Structure formats: structure tokens, C-alpha cells
């Protein structure tokens, strides 16, 4: 039996972490971070198949700054990073890719949407 791929989900909202867990727990080994310190510790010590990060992470930090940290890390510089956000509709998939993200998932998300984005980025390699 093949080991599950490791996925990091960074979101300050418990309900969003739970929703993604329900969608993905059968396919991936999931790790979660709700705070910058948790995210940095995981990014610095583990290699992930993909990272999903919220863009607006409360007053602590935001996904755009975290993207730079991930891309400069020793363990995850090549890891696909997916923006996960409820930002207004004027910001779209292309905008996030231009900012350096590898993919985009809008909130509210649907199981098929999440799995499609991950399949495209993780399983095509």
C-alpha cells in the first residue's frame, strides 16, 4: 500500500480546517496550522506534497507573506502552494498565479473543486 501524500492546511478559522479535512482526509495525511508560529515550524521541518493557505489570516499574518516564506524554505521551496480565500470576485485565479501561487480555491469550496485543484498540481508530477 502506497503512503498518503502529506498536505499542510493553514487557516485561522476552525470550520475551514474541518471542511478541508472532511474533503481530503481519505487521500492525504493532513497537517494543520492556525498561527504563524505553527505554520513556520511545520514548513521548516517537513516536506509537503502541497500547501493550502488562507489569504486573510486575521491580524497575525497573511497568505501573501507566507508564500514568500514557503518558497524560500529548504523543505518546501518547490512545493505547490494554493491560495484559499473568500476574497471578492475581482481577484481571480490568474491574479493569484501572477502573485506566485500555483493554484486557487475559492470559498465556499466544494469537494470536487478542492480535489480537482490538488489533482492537477500534485498528481500530475
C-alpha atoms as a PDB file:
ATOM      1  CA  UNK A   1       0.000   0.000   0.000  1.00  0.00           C
ATOM      2  CA  UNK A   2       1.324   3.396  -1.001  1.00  0.00           C
ATOM      3  CA  UNK A   3       1.770   6.026   1.723  1.00  0.00           C
ATOM      4  CA  UNK A   4      -0.536   9.025   1.668  1.00  0.00           C
ATOM      5  CA  UNK A   5       0.888  12.313   0.437  1.00  0.00           C
ATOM      6  CA  UNK A   6       1.374  14.988   3.089  1.00  0.00           C
ATOM      7  CA  UNK A   7      -0.675  18.169   2.865  1.00  0.00           C
ATOM      8  CA  UNK A   8      -0.453  21.304   5.027  1.00  0.00           C
ATOM      9  CA  UNK A   9      -3.584  23.399   5.546  1.00  0.00           C
ATOM     10  CA  UNK A  10      -3.093  26.890   7.005  1.00  0.00           C
ATOM     11  CA  UNK A  11      -6.246  28.694   8.081  1.00  0.00           C
ATOM     12  CA  UNK A  12      -7.154  30.606  11.237  1.00  0.00           C
ATOM     13  CA  UNK A  13     -10.810  29.511  11.047  1.00  0.00           C
ATOM     14  CA  UNK A  14     -11.539  26.120  12.622  1.00  0.00           C
ATOM     15  CA  UNK A  15     -14.557  25.490  10.373  1.00  0.00           C
ATOM     16  CA  UNK A  16     -12.439  25.894   7.227  1.00  0.00           C
ATOM     17  CA  UNK A  17      -9.839  23.423   8.515  1.00  0.00           C
ATOM     18  CA  UNK A  18     -12.622  20.953   9.361  1.00  0.00           C
ATOM     19  CA  UNK A  19     -14.233  21.308   5.942  1.00  0.00           C
ATOM     20  CA  UNK A  20     -10.971  20.673   4.097  1.00  0.00           C
ATOM     21  CA  UNK A  21     -10.253  17.767   6.423  1.00  0.00           C
ATOM     22  CA  UNK A  22     -13.584  16.172   5.524  1.00  0.00           C
ATOM     23  CA  UNK A  23     -12.777  16.544   1.824  1.00  0.00           C
ATOM     24  CA  UNK A  24      -9.191  15.293   1.979  1.00  0.00           C
ATOM     25  CA  UNK A  25      -8.557  13.007   4.961  1.00  0.00           C
ATOM     26  CA  UNK A  26      -9.024   9.821   2.940  1.00  0.00           C
ATOM     27  CA  UNK A  27      -6.442  10.817   0.338  1.00  0.00           C
ATOM     28  CA  UNK A  28      -3.805  12.786   2.270  1.00  0.00           C
ATOM     29  CA  UNK A  29      -2.027  12.828   5.596  1.00  0.00           C
ATOM     30  CA  UNK A  30      -3.126  16.229   6.849  1.00  0.00           C
ATOM     31  CA  UNK A  31      -1.255  18.771   8.958  1.00  0.00           C
ATOM     32  CA  UNK A  32      -2.875  21.973  10.200  1.00  0.00           C
ATOM     33  CA  UNK A  33      -1.684  25.396  11.311  1.00  0.00           C
ATOM     34  CA  UNK A  34      -3.814  28.239  12.598  1.00  0.00           C
ATOM     35  CA  UNK A  35      -0.966  30.514  13.697  1.00  0.00           C
ATOM     36  CA  UNK A  36       2.168  31.807  12.016  1.00  0.00           C
ATOM     37  CA  UNK A  37       4.457  30.037  14.500  1.00  0.00           C
ATOM     38  CA  UNK A  38       2.749  26.690  13.808  1.00  0.00           C
ATOM     39  CA  UNK A  39       2.955  27.187  10.053  1.00  0.00           C
ATOM     40  CA  UNK A  40       6.631  28.172  10.123  1.00  0.00           C
ATOM     41  CA  UNK A  41       7.573  25.227  12.346  1.00  0.00           C
ATOM     42  CA  UNK A  42       5.886  22.735  10.022  1.00  0.00           C
ATOM     43  CA  UNK A  43       7.261  24.354   6.856  1.00  0.00           C
ATOM     44  CA  UNK A  44      10.782  24.287   8.317  1.00  0.00           C
ATOM     45  CA  UNK A  45      10.678  20.630   9.411  1.00  0.00           C
ATOM     46  CA  UNK A  46       8.518  18.688   6.940  1.00  0.00           C
ATOM     47  CA  UNK A  47       8.279  18.391   3.188  1.00  0.00           C
ATOM     48  CA  UNK A  48       4.733  18.582   1.859  1.00  0.00           C
ATOM     49  CA  UNK A  49       3.170  17.487  -1.416  1.00  0.00           C
ATOM     50  CA  UNK A  50       1.112  20.698  -1.373  1.00  0.00           C
ATOM     51  CA  UNK A  51       0.231  23.576   0.946  1.00  0.00           C
ATOM     52  CA  UNK A  52      -3.169  25.258   1.069  1.00  0.00           C
ATOM     53  CA  UNK A  53      -3.138  28.655   2.753  1.00  0.00           C
ATOM     54  CA  UNK A  54      -5.839  31.150   3.503  1.00  0.00           C
ATOM     55  CA  UNK A  55      -5.021  34.642   2.244  1.00  0.00           C
ATOM     56  CA  UNK A  56      -6.595  36.592   5.095  1.00  0.00           C
ATOM     57  CA  UNK A  57      -5.333  35.045   8.289  1.00  0.00           C
ATOM     58  CA  UNK A  58      -6.569  37.514  10.857  1.00  0.00           C
ATOM     59  CA  UNK A  59      -4.239  40.093  12.359  1.00  0.00           C
ATOM     60  CA  UNK A  60      -1.402  37.623  12.755  1.00  0.00           C
ATOM     61  CA  UNK A  61      -0.194  37.260   9.182  1.00  0.00           C
ATOM     62  CA  UNK A  62      -1.414  36.822   5.631  1.00  0.00           C
ATOM     63  CA  UNK A  63      -1.018  34.207   2.949  1.00  0.00           C
ATOM     64  CA  UNK A  64       0.868  36.511   0.592  1.00  0.00           C
ATOM     65  CA  UNK A  65       3.723  36.979   3.092  1.00  0.00           C
ATOM     66  CA  UNK A  66       3.617  33.317   3.969  1.00  0.00           C
ATOM     67  CA  UNK A  67       4.054  32.413   0.297  1.00  0.00           C
ATOM     68  CA  UNK A  68       7.474  34.119   0.280  1.00  0.00           C
ATOM     69  CA  UNK A  69       8.465  32.239   3.421  1.00  0.00           C
ATOM     70  CA  UNK A  70       7.405  28.896   1.903  1.00  0.00           C
ATOM     71  CA  UNK A  71       9.200  29.497  -1.401  1.00  0.00           C
ATOM     72  CA  UNK A  72      12.434  30.359   0.442  1.00  0.00           C
ATOM     73  CA  UNK A  73      12.287  27.360   2.796  1.00  0.00           C
ATOM     74  CA  UNK A  74      14.706  24.449   2.494  1.00  0.00           C
ATOM     75  CA  UNK A  75      11.987  21.791   2.672  1.00  0.00           C
ATOM     76  CA  UNK A  76       9.205  23.330   0.573  1.00  0.00           C
ATOM     77  CA  UNK A  77      10.656  25.741  -1.990  1.00  0.00           C
ATOM     78  CA  UNK A  78       9.266  23.561  -4.815  1.00  0.00           C
ATOM     79  CA  UNK A  79       6.003  22.633  -3.079  1.00  0.00           C
ATOM     80  CA  UNK A  80       2.827  23.793  -4.847  1.00  0.00           C
ATOM     81  CA  UNK A  81       1.093  26.484  -2.777  1.00  0.00           C
ATOM     82  CA  UNK A  82      -2.638  27.016  -3.229  1.00  0.00           C
ATOM     83  CA  UNK A  83      -4.443  30.232  -2.262  1.00  0.00           C
ATOM     84  CA  UNK A  84      -7.653  29.551  -0.328  1.00  0.00           C
ATOM     85  CA  UNK A  85      -9.794  32.637   0.018  1.00  0.00           C
ATOM     86  CA  UNK A  86     -13.196  34.268   0.093  1.00  0.00           C
ATOM     87  CA  UNK A  87     -11.801  37.456  -1.446  1.00  0.00           C
ATOM     88  CA  UNK A  88     -14.074  39.427  -3.691  1.00  0.00           C
ATOM     89  CA  UNK A  89     -14.718  38.238  -7.216  1.00  0.00           C
ATOM     90  CA  UNK A  90     -12.432  40.848  -8.798  1.00  0.00           C
ATOM     91  CA  UNK A  91      -9.469  38.763  -7.635  1.00  0.00           C
ATOM     92  CA  UNK A  92      -9.318  35.575  -9.599  1.00  0.00           C
ATOM     93  CA  UNK A  93      -7.242  32.508 -10.335  1.00  0.00           C
ATOM     94  CA  UNK A  94      -4.976  34.412 -12.740  1.00  0.00           C
ATOM     95  CA  UNK A  95      -4.248  37.126 -10.165  1.00  0.00           C
ATOM     96  CA  UNK A  96      -3.064  34.596  -7.581  1.00  0.00           C
ATOM     97  CA  UNK A  97      -0.907  32.773 -10.111  1.00  0.00           C
ATOM     98  CA  UNK A  98       0.672  36.110 -11.061  1.00  0.00           C
ATOM     99  CA  UNK A  99       1.457  36.629  -7.354  1.00  0.00           C
ATOM    100  CA  UNK A 100       3.285  33.276  -7.292  1.00  0.00           C
ATOM    101  CA  UNK A 101       0.656  30.808  -6.127  1.00  0.00           C
ATOM    102  CA  UNK A 102       0.354  27.550  -8.035  1.00  0.00           C
ATOM    103  CA  UNK A 103      -3.415  27.363  -7.758  1.00  0.00           C
ATOM    104  CA  UNK A 104      -6.529  28.916  -6.262  1.00  0.00           C
ATOM    105  CA  UNK A 105      -9.560  27.619  -4.355  1.00  0.00           C
ATOM    106  CA  UNK A 106     -12.435  29.975  -3.626  1.00  0.00           C
ATOM    107  CA  UNK A 107     -14.588  29.894  -0.500  1.00  0.00           C
ATOM    108  CA  UNK A 108     -17.053  28.475  -0.093  1.00  0.00           C
ATOM    109  CA  UNK A 109     -15.350  25.482  -1.626  1.00  0.00           C
ATOM    110  CA  UNK A 110     -16.766  22.223  -2.846  1.00  0.00           C
ATOM    111  CA  UNK A 111     -15.168  18.793  -2.572  1.00  0.00           C
ATOM    112  CA  UNK A 112     -14.855  18.403  -6.362  1.00  0.00           C
ATOM    113  CA  UNK A 113     -13.203  21.817  -6.732  1.00  0.00           C
ATOM    114  CA  UNK A 114     -10.638  21.137  -3.999  1.00  0.00           C
ATOM    115  CA  UNK A 115      -9.828  17.671  -5.306  1.00  0.00           C
ATOM    116  CA  UNK A 116      -9.527  18.928  -8.883  1.00  0.00           C
ATOM    117  CA  UNK A 117      -7.024  21.654  -7.976  1.00  0.00           C
ATOM    118  CA  UNK A 118      -4.926  19.255  -5.898  1.00  0.00           C
ATOM    119  CA  UNK A 119      -5.061  16.529  -8.539  1.00  0.00           C
ATOM    120  CA  UNK A 120      -3.826  18.953 -11.174  1.00  0.00           C
ATOM    121  CA  UNK A 121      -0.908  20.183  -9.046  1.00  0.00           C
ATOM    122  CA  UNK A 122       0.114  17.102  -7.055  1.00  0.00           C
ATOM    123  CA  UNK A 123      -0.794  14.006  -9.002  1.00  0.00           C
ATOM    124  CA  UNK A 124       0.350  15.246 -12.406  1.00  0.00           C
ATOM    125  CA  UNK A 125       4.008  15.198 -11.286  1.00  0.00           C
END
